[in-house]
N, C-alpha and C. Protein backbone atom coordinates (compact mmCIF):
# COMPACT_ATOMS: atom_id res chain seq x y z
N UNK A 1 0.84 -1.21 0.00
CA UNK A 1 0.00 0.00 0.00
C UNK A 1 0.87 1.25 0.00
N UNK A 2 1.96 1.21 0.77
CA UNK A 2 2.86 2.37 0.81
C UNK A 2 3.49 2.63 -0.55
N UNK A 3 3.91 1.57 -1.23
CA UNK A 3 4.49 1.72 -2.57
C UNK A 3 3.45 2.30 -3.54
N UNK A 4 2.21 1.82 -3.43
CA UNK A 4 1.15 2.35 -4.28
C UNK A 4 0.87 3.82 -4.03
N UNK A 5 0.91 4.24 -2.75
CA UNK A 5 0.70 5.65 -2.42
C UNK A 5 1.80 6.51 -3.01
N UNK A 6 3.05 6.06 -2.87
CA UNK A 6 4.18 6.82 -3.42
C UNK A 6 4.05 6.94 -4.94
N UNK A 7 3.67 5.85 -5.59
CA UNK A 7 3.53 5.86 -7.05
C UNK A 7 2.43 6.84 -7.49
N UNK A 8 1.27 6.79 -6.81
CA UNK A 8 0.16 7.64 -7.21
C UNK A 8 0.41 9.11 -6.87
N UNK A 9 1.08 9.37 -5.75
CA UNK A 9 1.35 10.76 -5.38
C UNK A 9 2.36 11.42 -6.31
N UNK A 10 3.25 10.63 -6.87
CA UNK A 10 4.26 11.19 -7.79
C UNK A 10 3.80 11.16 -9.25
N UNK A 11 2.66 10.53 -9.51
CA UNK A 11 2.17 10.44 -10.89
C UNK A 11 1.51 11.75 -11.29
N UNK A 12 1.66 12.11 -12.53
CA UNK A 12 1.06 13.34 -13.06
C UNK A 12 0.86 13.22 -14.55
N UNK A 13 -0.07 13.98 -15.05
CA UNK A 13 -0.34 14.07 -16.49
C UNK A 13 0.27 15.36 -17.00
N UNK A 14 1.21 15.24 -17.92
CA UNK A 14 1.90 16.41 -18.46
C UNK A 14 1.29 16.81 -19.79
N UNK A 15 0.79 18.03 -19.82
CA UNK A 15 0.23 18.59 -21.06
C UNK A 15 1.28 19.47 -21.73
N UNK A 16 1.52 19.19 -23.00
CA UNK A 16 2.51 19.96 -23.75
C UNK A 16 2.01 21.38 -23.99
N UNK A 17 2.84 22.37 -23.67
CA UNK A 17 2.51 23.79 -23.86
C UNK A 17 3.57 24.40 -24.77
N UNK A 18 3.14 25.05 -25.83
CA UNK A 18 4.04 25.75 -26.75
C UNK A 18 3.80 27.24 -26.64
N UNK A 19 4.85 28.01 -26.94
CA UNK A 19 4.78 29.48 -26.85
C UNK A 19 5.06 30.08 -28.21
N UNK A 20 4.32 31.15 -28.51
CA UNK A 20 4.48 31.84 -29.79
C UNK A 20 5.84 32.53 -29.85
N UNK A 21 6.36 32.63 -31.06
CA UNK A 21 7.59 33.39 -31.27
C UNK A 21 7.25 34.86 -31.46
N UNK A 22 8.05 35.72 -30.83
CA UNK A 22 7.84 37.16 -31.00
C UNK A 22 9.20 37.83 -31.14
N UNK A 23 9.25 38.86 -31.95
CA UNK A 23 10.49 39.55 -32.24
C UNK A 23 10.49 40.91 -31.56
N UNK A 24 11.53 41.15 -30.77
CA UNK A 24 11.72 42.43 -30.09
C UNK A 24 13.04 43.00 -30.61
N UNK A 25 12.93 44.01 -31.46
CA UNK A 25 14.13 44.56 -32.08
C UNK A 25 14.70 43.56 -33.06
N UNK A 26 15.96 43.24 -32.87
CA UNK A 26 16.62 42.26 -33.73
C UNK A 26 16.68 40.88 -33.09
N UNK A 27 16.05 40.74 -31.95
CA UNK A 27 16.12 39.46 -31.23
C UNK A 27 14.76 38.75 -31.27
N UNK A 28 14.84 37.43 -31.32
CA UNK A 28 13.64 36.60 -31.38
C UNK A 28 13.46 35.92 -30.03
N UNK A 29 12.26 36.06 -29.48
CA UNK A 29 11.94 35.46 -28.20
C UNK A 29 10.80 34.46 -28.38
N UNK A 30 10.70 33.50 -27.45
CA UNK A 30 9.62 32.54 -27.48
C UNK A 30 9.94 31.35 -28.35
N UNK A 31 8.91 30.64 -28.71
CA UNK A 31 9.10 29.43 -29.50
C UNK A 31 9.50 28.23 -28.67
N UNK A 32 9.50 28.35 -27.36
CA UNK A 32 9.90 27.24 -26.50
C UNK A 32 8.70 26.34 -26.20
N UNK A 33 8.98 25.19 -25.64
CA UNK A 33 7.94 24.25 -25.21
C UNK A 33 8.17 23.89 -23.75
N UNK A 34 7.10 23.66 -23.05
CA UNK A 34 7.18 23.24 -21.66
C UNK A 34 6.00 22.32 -21.37
N UNK A 35 5.87 21.93 -20.12
CA UNK A 35 4.80 21.02 -19.74
C UNK A 35 3.98 21.63 -18.61
N UNK A 36 2.68 21.39 -18.67
CA UNK A 36 1.77 21.77 -17.59
C UNK A 36 1.42 20.50 -16.81
N UNK A 37 2.01 20.32 -15.62
CA UNK A 37 1.77 19.07 -14.88
C UNK A 37 0.45 19.12 -14.12
N UNK A 38 -0.34 18.07 -14.26
CA UNK A 38 -1.58 17.92 -13.51
C UNK A 38 -1.47 16.65 -12.67
N UNK A 39 -1.50 16.82 -11.36
CA UNK A 39 -1.37 15.67 -10.47
C UNK A 39 -2.65 14.82 -10.51
N UNK A 40 -2.46 13.52 -10.35
CA UNK A 40 -3.62 12.64 -10.28
C UNK A 40 -4.41 12.90 -9.01
N UNK A 41 -3.68 13.11 -7.91
CA UNK A 41 -4.34 13.41 -6.64
C UNK A 41 -4.11 14.87 -6.30
N UNK A 42 -4.91 15.74 -6.87
CA UNK A 42 -4.76 17.17 -6.63
C UNK A 42 -5.22 17.56 -5.24
N UNK A 43 -6.19 16.87 -4.68
CA UNK A 43 -6.76 17.23 -3.38
C UNK A 43 -5.87 16.85 -2.22
N UNK A 44 -4.95 15.90 -2.41
CA UNK A 44 -4.07 15.50 -1.31
C UNK A 44 -4.81 14.68 -0.26
N UNK A 45 -4.52 14.97 1.01
CA UNK A 45 -5.13 14.21 2.12
C UNK A 45 -6.33 14.95 2.72
N UNK A 46 -6.76 16.03 2.09
CA UNK A 46 -7.88 16.80 2.63
C UNK A 46 -9.20 16.02 2.60
N UNK A 47 -9.56 15.30 1.50
CA UNK A 47 -10.85 14.60 1.48
C UNK A 47 -11.05 13.61 2.62
N UNK A 48 -10.11 12.68 2.90
CA UNK A 48 -10.38 11.76 4.02
C UNK A 48 -10.43 12.46 5.37
N UNK A 49 -9.69 13.54 5.54
CA UNK A 49 -9.74 14.27 6.81
C UNK A 49 -11.11 14.92 7.01
N UNK A 50 -11.61 15.58 5.98
CA UNK A 50 -12.94 16.19 6.07
C UNK A 50 -14.02 15.13 6.26
N UNK A 51 -13.92 14.01 5.53
CA UNK A 51 -14.93 12.96 5.62
C UNK A 51 -14.97 12.35 7.02
N UNK A 52 -13.81 12.04 7.57
CA UNK A 52 -13.78 11.45 8.91
C UNK A 52 -14.26 12.44 9.96
N UNK A 53 -13.96 13.73 9.76
CA UNK A 53 -14.41 14.74 10.72
C UNK A 53 -15.93 14.85 10.73
N UNK A 54 -16.55 14.82 9.55
CA UNK A 54 -18.01 14.90 9.49
C UNK A 54 -18.68 13.66 10.09
N UNK A 55 -18.08 12.50 9.89
CA UNK A 55 -18.66 11.28 10.44
C UNK A 55 -18.48 11.19 11.95
N UNK A 56 -17.45 11.82 12.48
CA UNK A 56 -17.25 11.82 13.93
C UNK A 56 -18.13 12.84 14.64
N UNK A 57 -18.68 13.80 13.89
CA UNK A 57 -19.49 14.84 14.51
C UNK A 57 -20.74 14.30 15.21
N UNK A 58 -21.55 13.42 14.59
CA UNK A 58 -22.72 12.90 15.31
C UNK A 58 -22.36 12.14 16.58
N UNK A 59 -21.28 11.35 16.51
CA UNK A 59 -20.87 10.60 17.70
C UNK A 59 -20.43 11.53 18.82
N UNK A 60 -19.76 12.59 18.46
CA UNK A 60 -19.32 13.56 19.47
C UNK A 60 -20.50 14.28 20.11
N UNK A 61 -21.48 14.66 19.29
CA UNK A 61 -22.67 15.33 19.83
C UNK A 61 -23.45 14.40 20.74
N UNK A 62 -23.56 13.12 20.33
CA UNK A 62 -24.31 12.16 21.14
C UNK A 62 -23.61 11.86 22.46
N UNK A 63 -22.29 11.99 22.49
CA UNK A 63 -21.56 11.71 23.73
C UNK A 63 -21.91 12.71 24.82
N UNK A 64 -22.33 13.92 24.44
CA UNK A 64 -22.71 14.93 25.43
C UNK A 64 -24.17 14.81 25.86
N UNK A 65 -24.90 13.88 25.24
CA UNK A 65 -26.32 13.71 25.56
C UNK A 65 -26.55 12.30 26.08
N UNK A 66 -27.05 12.16 27.26
CA UNK A 66 -27.32 10.84 27.83
C UNK A 66 -28.50 10.21 27.12
N UNK A 67 -28.42 8.89 26.92
CA UNK A 67 -29.48 8.20 26.20
C UNK A 67 -30.80 8.23 26.97
N UNK A 68 -30.73 8.22 28.28
CA UNK A 68 -31.96 8.23 29.07
C UNK A 68 -32.70 9.54 29.01
N UNK A 69 -32.02 10.63 28.68
CA UNK A 69 -32.65 11.94 28.63
C UNK A 69 -33.31 12.23 27.29
N UNK A 70 -33.17 11.33 26.34
CA UNK A 70 -33.75 11.56 25.02
C UNK A 70 -35.25 11.24 25.05
N UNK A 71 -36.05 11.99 24.31
CA UNK A 71 -37.49 11.66 24.20
C UNK A 71 -37.68 10.31 23.50
N UNK A 72 -38.87 9.79 23.57
CA UNK A 72 -39.14 8.48 23.01
C UNK A 72 -39.00 8.47 21.49
N UNK A 73 -39.41 9.58 20.85
CA UNK A 73 -39.31 9.61 19.39
C UNK A 73 -37.89 9.78 18.89
N UNK A 74 -36.92 9.97 19.80
CA UNK A 74 -35.52 10.07 19.42
C UNK A 74 -34.68 8.91 19.94
N UNK A 75 -35.33 7.85 20.39
CA UNK A 75 -34.58 6.70 20.91
C UNK A 75 -33.83 5.95 19.80
N UNK A 76 -34.21 6.18 18.53
CA UNK A 76 -33.51 5.51 17.43
C UNK A 76 -32.19 6.19 17.09
N UNK A 77 -31.99 7.41 17.60
CA UNK A 77 -30.77 8.15 17.25
C UNK A 77 -29.51 7.44 17.74
N UNK A 78 -29.44 6.96 19.00
CA UNK A 78 -28.20 6.28 19.43
C UNK A 78 -27.85 5.05 18.60
N UNK A 79 -28.89 4.29 18.19
CA UNK A 79 -28.61 3.10 17.37
C UNK A 79 -28.05 3.50 16.01
N UNK A 80 -28.66 4.54 15.40
CA UNK A 80 -28.17 4.99 14.09
C UNK A 80 -26.76 5.54 14.19
N UNK A 81 -26.51 6.34 15.22
CA UNK A 81 -25.17 6.89 15.40
C UNK A 81 -24.17 5.78 15.70
N UNK A 82 -24.63 4.72 16.39
CA UNK A 82 -23.74 3.59 16.67
C UNK A 82 -23.26 2.89 15.42
N UNK A 83 -24.02 3.02 14.33
CA UNK A 83 -23.60 2.42 13.06
C UNK A 83 -22.49 3.23 12.39
N UNK A 84 -22.25 4.45 12.88
CA UNK A 84 -21.19 5.29 12.31
C UNK A 84 -19.88 5.09 13.04
N UNK A 85 -19.55 3.85 13.32
CA UNK A 85 -18.28 3.51 13.93
C UNK A 85 -17.44 2.72 12.94
N UNK A 86 -16.16 2.64 13.19
CA UNK A 86 -15.24 2.00 12.25
C UNK A 86 -15.62 0.53 12.05
N UNK A 87 -15.63 0.14 10.77
CA UNK A 87 -15.92 -1.24 10.42
C UNK A 87 -17.37 -1.52 10.12
N UNK A 88 -18.30 -0.63 10.47
CA UNK A 88 -19.72 -0.84 10.20
C UNK A 88 -20.03 -0.51 8.74
N UNK A 89 -21.01 -1.21 8.12
CA UNK A 89 -21.33 -0.96 6.70
C UNK A 89 -21.75 0.47 6.41
N UNK A 90 -22.60 1.05 7.28
CA UNK A 90 -23.04 2.43 7.05
C UNK A 90 -21.87 3.40 7.07
N UNK A 91 -20.94 3.19 7.99
CA UNK A 91 -19.76 4.05 8.07
C UNK A 91 -18.93 3.92 6.81
N UNK A 92 -18.74 2.69 6.32
CA UNK A 92 -17.91 2.47 5.12
C UNK A 92 -18.53 3.15 3.90
N UNK A 93 -19.85 3.02 3.75
CA UNK A 93 -20.52 3.61 2.58
C UNK A 93 -20.45 5.13 2.63
N UNK A 94 -20.80 5.73 3.76
CA UNK A 94 -20.76 7.19 3.88
C UNK A 94 -19.34 7.72 3.79
N UNK A 95 -18.40 7.00 4.36
CA UNK A 95 -17.00 7.43 4.31
C UNK A 95 -16.49 7.49 2.87
N UNK A 96 -16.78 6.43 2.09
CA UNK A 96 -16.35 6.42 0.70
C UNK A 96 -17.04 7.50 -0.12
N UNK A 97 -18.35 7.71 0.10
CA UNK A 97 -19.09 8.73 -0.65
C UNK A 97 -18.56 10.13 -0.33
N UNK A 98 -18.28 10.40 0.94
CA UNK A 98 -17.77 11.72 1.31
C UNK A 98 -16.36 11.95 0.77
N UNK A 99 -15.55 10.92 0.73
CA UNK A 99 -14.19 11.07 0.18
C UNK A 99 -14.27 11.45 -1.30
N UNK A 100 -15.11 10.76 -2.05
CA UNK A 100 -15.26 11.09 -3.48
C UNK A 100 -15.79 12.51 -3.66
N UNK A 101 -16.77 12.89 -2.86
CA UNK A 101 -17.33 14.24 -2.96
C UNK A 101 -16.28 15.31 -2.68
N UNK A 102 -15.52 15.14 -1.60
CA UNK A 102 -14.53 16.16 -1.24
C UNK A 102 -13.35 16.16 -2.21
N UNK A 103 -13.07 15.04 -2.86
CA UNK A 103 -12.02 15.03 -3.88
C UNK A 103 -12.38 15.99 -5.02
N UNK A 104 -13.60 15.88 -5.52
CA UNK A 104 -14.03 16.76 -6.61
C UNK A 104 -14.21 18.20 -6.11
N UNK A 105 -14.75 18.36 -4.92
CA UNK A 105 -14.99 19.70 -4.40
C UNK A 105 -13.67 20.45 -4.17
N UNK A 106 -12.72 19.81 -3.50
CA UNK A 106 -11.46 20.50 -3.19
C UNK A 106 -10.62 20.73 -4.44
N UNK A 107 -10.69 19.79 -5.40
CA UNK A 107 -9.96 19.99 -6.66
C UNK A 107 -10.50 21.19 -7.41
N UNK A 108 -11.83 21.37 -7.42
CA UNK A 108 -12.42 22.54 -8.08
C UNK A 108 -12.04 23.84 -7.39
N UNK A 109 -11.79 23.77 -6.08
CA UNK A 109 -11.38 24.98 -5.35
C UNK A 109 -9.91 25.31 -5.62
N UNK A 110 -9.07 24.28 -5.65
CA UNK A 110 -7.63 24.50 -5.78
C UNK A 110 -7.25 24.87 -7.21
N UNK A 111 -7.82 24.19 -8.20
CA UNK A 111 -7.42 24.37 -9.60
C UNK A 111 -8.59 24.96 -10.37
N UNK A 112 -8.35 26.11 -11.00
CA UNK A 112 -9.37 26.78 -11.81
C UNK A 112 -8.93 26.74 -13.27
N UNK A 113 -9.59 25.92 -14.12
CA UNK A 113 -9.17 25.82 -15.52
C UNK A 113 -9.25 27.14 -16.28
N UNK A 114 -10.24 27.98 -15.96
CA UNK A 114 -10.38 29.24 -16.69
C UNK A 114 -9.21 30.18 -16.39
N UNK A 115 -8.79 30.26 -15.12
CA UNK A 115 -7.64 31.11 -14.79
C UNK A 115 -6.36 30.58 -15.42
N UNK A 116 -6.19 29.25 -15.42
CA UNK A 116 -5.00 28.67 -16.04
C UNK A 116 -4.96 28.93 -17.53
N UNK A 117 -6.10 28.78 -18.21
CA UNK A 117 -6.17 29.05 -19.65
C UNK A 117 -5.91 30.52 -19.94
N UNK A 118 -6.41 31.42 -19.08
CA UNK A 118 -6.18 32.85 -19.28
C UNK A 118 -4.71 33.20 -19.08
N UNK A 119 -4.06 32.58 -18.09
CA UNK A 119 -2.63 32.84 -17.87
C UNK A 119 -1.79 32.33 -19.04
N UNK A 120 -2.16 31.17 -19.58
CA UNK A 120 -1.44 30.66 -20.75
C UNK A 120 -1.60 31.61 -21.93
N UNK A 121 -2.80 32.10 -22.16
CA UNK A 121 -3.03 33.02 -23.28
C UNK A 121 -2.29 34.34 -23.08
N UNK A 122 -2.24 34.80 -21.82
CA UNK A 122 -1.58 36.07 -21.53
C UNK A 122 -0.09 36.01 -21.83
N UNK A 123 0.53 34.87 -21.54
CA UNK A 123 1.97 34.74 -21.75
C UNK A 123 2.31 34.09 -23.09
N UNK A 124 1.35 33.98 -23.98
CA UNK A 124 1.61 33.47 -25.32
C UNK A 124 1.71 31.97 -25.42
N UNK A 125 1.19 31.24 -24.44
CA UNK A 125 1.24 29.79 -24.48
C UNK A 125 -0.07 29.20 -24.97
N UNK A 126 0.02 28.02 -25.56
CA UNK A 126 -1.18 27.34 -26.04
C UNK A 126 -0.91 25.84 -26.07
N UNK A 127 -2.00 25.08 -26.00
CA UNK A 127 -1.92 23.63 -26.14
C UNK A 127 -2.04 23.27 -27.62
N UNK A 128 -1.15 22.45 -28.14
CA UNK A 128 -1.19 22.13 -29.58
C UNK A 128 -2.54 21.52 -29.98
N UNK A 129 -3.13 22.10 -31.03
CA UNK A 129 -4.39 21.60 -31.55
C UNK A 129 -5.62 22.13 -30.84
N UNK A 130 -5.44 22.99 -29.84
CA UNK A 130 -6.58 23.53 -29.08
C UNK A 130 -6.48 25.05 -29.08
N UNK A 131 -7.55 25.72 -29.39
CA UNK A 131 -7.56 27.17 -29.44
C UNK A 131 -7.46 27.74 -28.04
N UNK A 132 -6.72 28.85 -27.89
CA UNK A 132 -6.62 29.48 -26.56
C UNK A 132 -7.97 30.03 -26.11
N UNK A 133 -8.08 30.19 -24.80
CA UNK A 133 -9.31 30.74 -24.25
C UNK A 133 -10.24 29.67 -23.72
N UNK A 134 -11.51 29.75 -24.13
CA UNK A 134 -12.52 28.84 -23.60
C UNK A 134 -12.27 27.40 -23.99
N UNK A 135 -11.80 27.15 -25.21
CA UNK A 135 -11.52 25.78 -25.63
C UNK A 135 -10.44 25.15 -24.75
N UNK A 136 -9.42 25.93 -24.41
CA UNK A 136 -8.36 25.41 -23.54
C UNK A 136 -8.90 25.13 -22.14
N UNK A 137 -9.74 26.03 -21.62
CA UNK A 137 -10.31 25.82 -20.30
C UNK A 137 -11.20 24.56 -20.28
N UNK A 138 -11.99 24.36 -21.33
CA UNK A 138 -12.83 23.16 -21.40
C UNK A 138 -11.97 21.90 -21.46
N UNK A 139 -10.88 21.95 -22.20
CA UNK A 139 -10.02 20.77 -22.31
C UNK A 139 -9.33 20.47 -20.98
N UNK A 140 -8.87 21.52 -20.28
CA UNK A 140 -8.26 21.32 -18.97
C UNK A 140 -9.26 20.73 -17.99
N UNK A 141 -10.49 21.23 -18.02
CA UNK A 141 -11.53 20.68 -17.15
C UNK A 141 -11.84 19.22 -17.50
N UNK A 142 -11.82 18.91 -18.79
CA UNK A 142 -12.05 17.53 -19.25
C UNK A 142 -10.97 16.59 -18.72
N UNK A 143 -9.72 16.98 -18.85
CA UNK A 143 -8.61 16.13 -18.40
C UNK A 143 -8.60 16.03 -16.88
N UNK A 144 -8.82 17.16 -16.20
CA UNK A 144 -8.76 17.18 -14.74
C UNK A 144 -9.88 16.34 -14.12
N UNK A 145 -11.06 16.35 -14.74
CA UNK A 145 -12.16 15.56 -14.22
C UNK A 145 -11.83 14.07 -14.24
N UNK A 146 -11.25 13.62 -15.33
CA UNK A 146 -10.90 12.20 -15.44
C UNK A 146 -9.74 11.83 -14.53
N UNK A 147 -8.81 12.73 -14.33
CA UNK A 147 -7.73 12.47 -13.38
C UNK A 147 -8.28 12.41 -11.95
N UNK A 148 -9.25 13.27 -11.65
CA UNK A 148 -9.83 13.27 -10.31
C UNK A 148 -10.59 11.99 -10.03
N UNK A 149 -11.22 11.40 -11.06
CA UNK A 149 -11.89 10.11 -10.88
C UNK A 149 -10.89 9.05 -10.43
N UNK A 150 -9.73 9.02 -11.09
CA UNK A 150 -8.69 8.05 -10.71
C UNK A 150 -8.17 8.35 -9.31
N UNK A 151 -7.92 9.64 -9.03
CA UNK A 151 -7.41 10.01 -7.71
C UNK A 151 -8.41 9.71 -6.60
N UNK A 152 -9.69 9.97 -6.85
CA UNK A 152 -10.71 9.68 -5.83
C UNK A 152 -10.83 8.18 -5.58
N UNK A 153 -10.75 7.38 -6.64
CA UNK A 153 -10.82 5.92 -6.47
C UNK A 153 -9.61 5.42 -5.67
N UNK A 154 -8.44 5.98 -5.95
CA UNK A 154 -7.22 5.56 -5.24
C UNK A 154 -7.29 5.91 -3.75
N UNK A 155 -7.72 7.13 -3.43
CA UNK A 155 -7.82 7.53 -2.01
C UNK A 155 -8.89 6.71 -1.30
N UNK A 156 -10.01 6.46 -1.98
CA UNK A 156 -11.08 5.68 -1.37
C UNK A 156 -10.63 4.26 -1.05
N UNK A 157 -9.90 3.64 -1.96
CA UNK A 157 -9.41 2.28 -1.72
C UNK A 157 -8.43 2.25 -0.54
N UNK A 158 -7.52 3.22 -0.51
CA UNK A 158 -6.53 3.24 0.58
C UNK A 158 -7.21 3.44 1.93
N UNK A 159 -8.22 4.30 1.98
CA UNK A 159 -8.87 4.60 3.26
C UNK A 159 -9.86 3.53 3.69
N UNK A 160 -10.50 2.85 2.72
CA UNK A 160 -11.50 1.85 3.07
C UNK A 160 -10.91 0.46 3.27
N UNK A 161 -9.68 0.24 2.83
CA UNK A 161 -9.06 -1.07 3.03
C UNK A 161 -8.94 -1.45 4.51
N UNK A 162 -8.43 -0.57 5.38
CA UNK A 162 -8.43 -0.93 6.81
C UNK A 162 -9.83 -1.12 7.38
N UNK A 163 -10.80 -0.32 6.93
CA UNK A 163 -12.17 -0.48 7.43
C UNK A 163 -12.74 -1.83 7.04
N UNK A 164 -12.48 -2.27 5.81
CA UNK A 164 -12.97 -3.58 5.38
C UNK A 164 -12.29 -4.70 6.16
N UNK A 165 -11.00 -4.55 6.42
CA UNK A 165 -10.29 -5.57 7.19
C UNK A 165 -10.81 -5.64 8.62
N UNK A 166 -11.14 -4.47 9.20
CA UNK A 166 -11.67 -4.46 10.57
C UNK A 166 -13.06 -5.10 10.61
N UNK A 167 -13.91 -4.76 9.64
CA UNK A 167 -15.28 -5.26 9.66
C UNK A 167 -15.39 -6.72 9.29
N UNK A 168 -14.57 -7.20 8.35
CA UNK A 168 -14.70 -8.56 7.85
C UNK A 168 -13.86 -9.57 8.63
N UNK A 169 -12.63 -9.16 9.01
CA UNK A 169 -11.71 -10.12 9.62
C UNK A 169 -11.32 -9.74 11.04
N UNK A 170 -11.90 -8.66 11.57
CA UNK A 170 -11.59 -8.21 12.93
C UNK A 170 -10.10 -7.97 13.13
N UNK A 171 -9.45 -7.48 12.09
CA UNK A 171 -8.03 -7.15 12.19
C UNK A 171 -7.90 -5.72 12.68
N UNK A 172 -7.17 -5.52 13.76
CA UNK A 172 -7.01 -4.19 14.35
C UNK A 172 -5.78 -3.50 13.76
N UNK A 173 -6.04 -2.36 13.12
CA UNK A 173 -4.96 -1.57 12.54
C UNK A 173 -4.65 -0.40 13.46
N UNK A 174 -3.38 -0.22 13.74
CA UNK A 174 -2.98 0.91 14.57
C UNK A 174 -2.75 2.16 13.73
N UNK A 175 -2.71 2.01 12.41
CA UNK A 175 -2.55 3.16 11.52
C UNK A 175 -3.54 2.99 10.38
N UNK A 176 -4.51 3.89 10.29
CA UNK A 176 -5.52 3.81 9.25
C UNK A 176 -5.01 4.35 7.93
N UNK A 177 -5.91 4.35 6.94
CA UNK A 177 -5.53 4.83 5.62
C UNK A 177 -5.19 6.30 5.60
N UNK A 178 -5.96 7.11 6.35
CA UNK A 178 -5.69 8.55 6.41
C UNK A 178 -4.33 8.83 7.04
N UNK A 179 -4.00 8.13 8.11
CA UNK A 179 -2.71 8.32 8.76
C UNK A 179 -1.57 7.92 7.83
N UNK A 180 -1.75 6.82 7.11
CA UNK A 180 -0.71 6.39 6.18
C UNK A 180 -0.52 7.40 5.05
N UNK A 181 -1.62 7.96 4.55
CA UNK A 181 -1.51 9.00 3.51
C UNK A 181 -0.75 10.21 4.02
N UNK A 182 -1.05 10.63 5.24
CA UNK A 182 -0.39 11.81 5.80
C UNK A 182 1.09 11.54 6.00
N UNK A 183 1.43 10.37 6.57
CA UNK A 183 2.84 10.05 6.84
C UNK A 183 3.64 10.00 5.54
N UNK A 184 3.11 9.31 4.52
CA UNK A 184 3.84 9.19 3.26
C UNK A 184 3.96 10.54 2.56
N UNK A 185 2.88 11.33 2.55
CA UNK A 185 2.91 12.64 1.89
C UNK A 185 3.90 13.59 2.57
N UNK A 186 3.87 13.62 3.90
CA UNK A 186 4.80 14.49 4.63
C UNK A 186 6.23 14.05 4.41
N UNK A 187 6.47 12.73 4.40
CA UNK A 187 7.83 12.23 4.17
C UNK A 187 8.33 12.61 2.78
N UNK A 188 7.47 12.48 1.76
CA UNK A 188 7.87 12.83 0.40
C UNK A 188 8.14 14.33 0.29
N UNK A 189 7.31 15.16 0.92
CA UNK A 189 7.54 16.61 0.89
C UNK A 189 8.84 16.97 1.60
N UNK A 190 9.12 16.30 2.72
CA UNK A 190 10.36 16.57 3.45
C UNK A 190 11.58 16.21 2.61
N UNK A 191 11.54 15.05 1.96
CA UNK A 191 12.66 14.64 1.11
C UNK A 191 12.85 15.61 -0.05
N UNK A 192 11.74 16.07 -0.65
CA UNK A 192 11.84 17.03 -1.76
C UNK A 192 12.44 18.35 -1.29
N UNK A 193 12.06 18.83 -0.11
CA UNK A 193 12.61 20.07 0.41
C UNK A 193 14.09 19.93 0.74
N UNK A 194 14.49 18.79 1.27
CA UNK A 194 15.91 18.56 1.56
C UNK A 194 16.72 18.54 0.27
N UNK A 195 16.19 17.87 -0.76
CA UNK A 195 16.90 17.84 -2.03
C UNK A 195 17.03 19.23 -2.65
N UNK A 196 15.95 20.01 -2.60
CA UNK A 196 16.02 21.37 -3.16
C UNK A 196 16.99 22.24 -2.36
N UNK A 197 17.01 22.06 -1.03
CA UNK A 197 17.93 22.83 -0.21
C UNK A 197 19.38 22.47 -0.52
N UNK A 198 19.66 21.17 -0.67
CA UNK A 198 21.02 20.75 -1.01
C UNK A 198 21.43 21.25 -2.39
N UNK A 199 20.48 21.23 -3.33
CA UNK A 199 20.78 21.72 -4.68
C UNK A 199 21.06 23.22 -4.66
N UNK A 200 20.23 23.98 -3.91
CA UNK A 200 20.47 25.42 -3.81
C UNK A 200 21.80 25.71 -3.12
N UNK A 201 22.14 24.93 -2.09
CA UNK A 201 23.42 25.12 -1.41
C UNK A 201 24.59 24.81 -2.34
N UNK A 202 24.41 23.81 -3.21
CA UNK A 202 25.47 23.48 -4.16
C UNK A 202 25.66 24.60 -5.17
N UNK A 203 24.55 25.18 -5.65
CA UNK A 203 24.66 26.29 -6.59
C UNK A 203 25.29 27.52 -5.93
N UNK A 204 24.98 27.75 -4.65
CA UNK A 204 25.61 28.87 -3.94
C UNK A 204 27.12 28.70 -3.89
N UNK A 205 27.56 27.45 -3.64
CA UNK A 205 29.00 27.21 -3.62
C UNK A 205 29.63 27.44 -4.98
N UNK A 206 28.96 27.03 -6.05
CA UNK A 206 29.50 27.25 -7.39
C UNK A 206 29.56 28.74 -7.73
N UNK A 207 28.53 29.50 -7.31
CA UNK A 207 28.54 30.94 -7.58
C UNK A 207 29.67 31.63 -6.84
N UNK A 208 29.86 31.25 -5.57
CA UNK A 208 30.96 31.85 -4.80
C UNK A 208 32.31 31.55 -5.43
N UNK A 209 32.51 30.32 -5.89
CA UNK A 209 33.77 29.96 -6.53
C UNK A 209 33.99 30.76 -7.81
N UNK A 210 32.92 30.94 -8.60
CA UNK A 210 33.07 31.70 -9.84
C UNK A 210 33.39 33.16 -9.55
N UNK A 211 32.82 33.72 -8.47
CA UNK A 211 33.12 35.10 -8.11
C UNK A 211 34.58 35.24 -7.66
N UNK A 212 35.05 34.27 -6.90
CA UNK A 212 36.44 34.33 -6.45
C UNK A 212 37.39 34.22 -7.63
N UNK A 213 37.10 33.36 -8.58
CA UNK A 213 37.94 33.23 -9.75
C UNK A 213 37.91 34.52 -10.58
N UNK A 214 36.75 35.16 -10.66
CA UNK A 214 36.65 36.40 -11.40
C UNK A 214 37.49 37.50 -10.76
N UNK A 215 37.53 37.57 -9.43
CA UNK A 215 38.35 38.56 -8.75
C UNK A 215 39.84 38.32 -8.96
N UNK A 216 40.21 37.03 -8.92
CA UNK A 216 41.63 36.72 -9.13
C UNK A 216 42.09 37.11 -10.51
N UNK A 217 41.19 36.97 -11.47
CA UNK A 217 41.57 37.35 -12.84
C UNK A 217 41.65 38.89 -12.96
């Protein structure tokens, strides 16, 4: 599962971006190509955190209310809330549905295809075969929606696997799917920051050496 998380978190869809050539004076600028990376899991670990928080809310509210103090027409509430515990079918179904919902919701908040298409048009970039502007925004939304489906399915499987094991085989996990996602994501971010820091430190050393050589000359 850890290997699968690392693979999915590092996976991305790269869209080829080309830039128009423009002439300023006697010099020609532009004409370069680059990539627009779209992560498969754009939402990160936010969906399972939000989903688990919402499912824990009824249990927390019920803990402050004694069952004996409830009216007769509300005696079914403790039983229903009791089904929202780890390993129960109702909890698994609602947990998976909320994860999928928050994956699409948070992705739409984080990534705006219209703003991205406008920025590409402003700087002279375009996707080959697609007109700048609304067509580019529609294509970005098309690709991102399908990537989000894959990302939502991956997060749902990782988070529901421990729940299924608890409910079916009574296997007790000390680290759930959400915890594993957080640990792996934080570890990958830490390693990336260390690598960038070492690379920047190496470039600083090269710049200092070049300055010293320039002074000696």
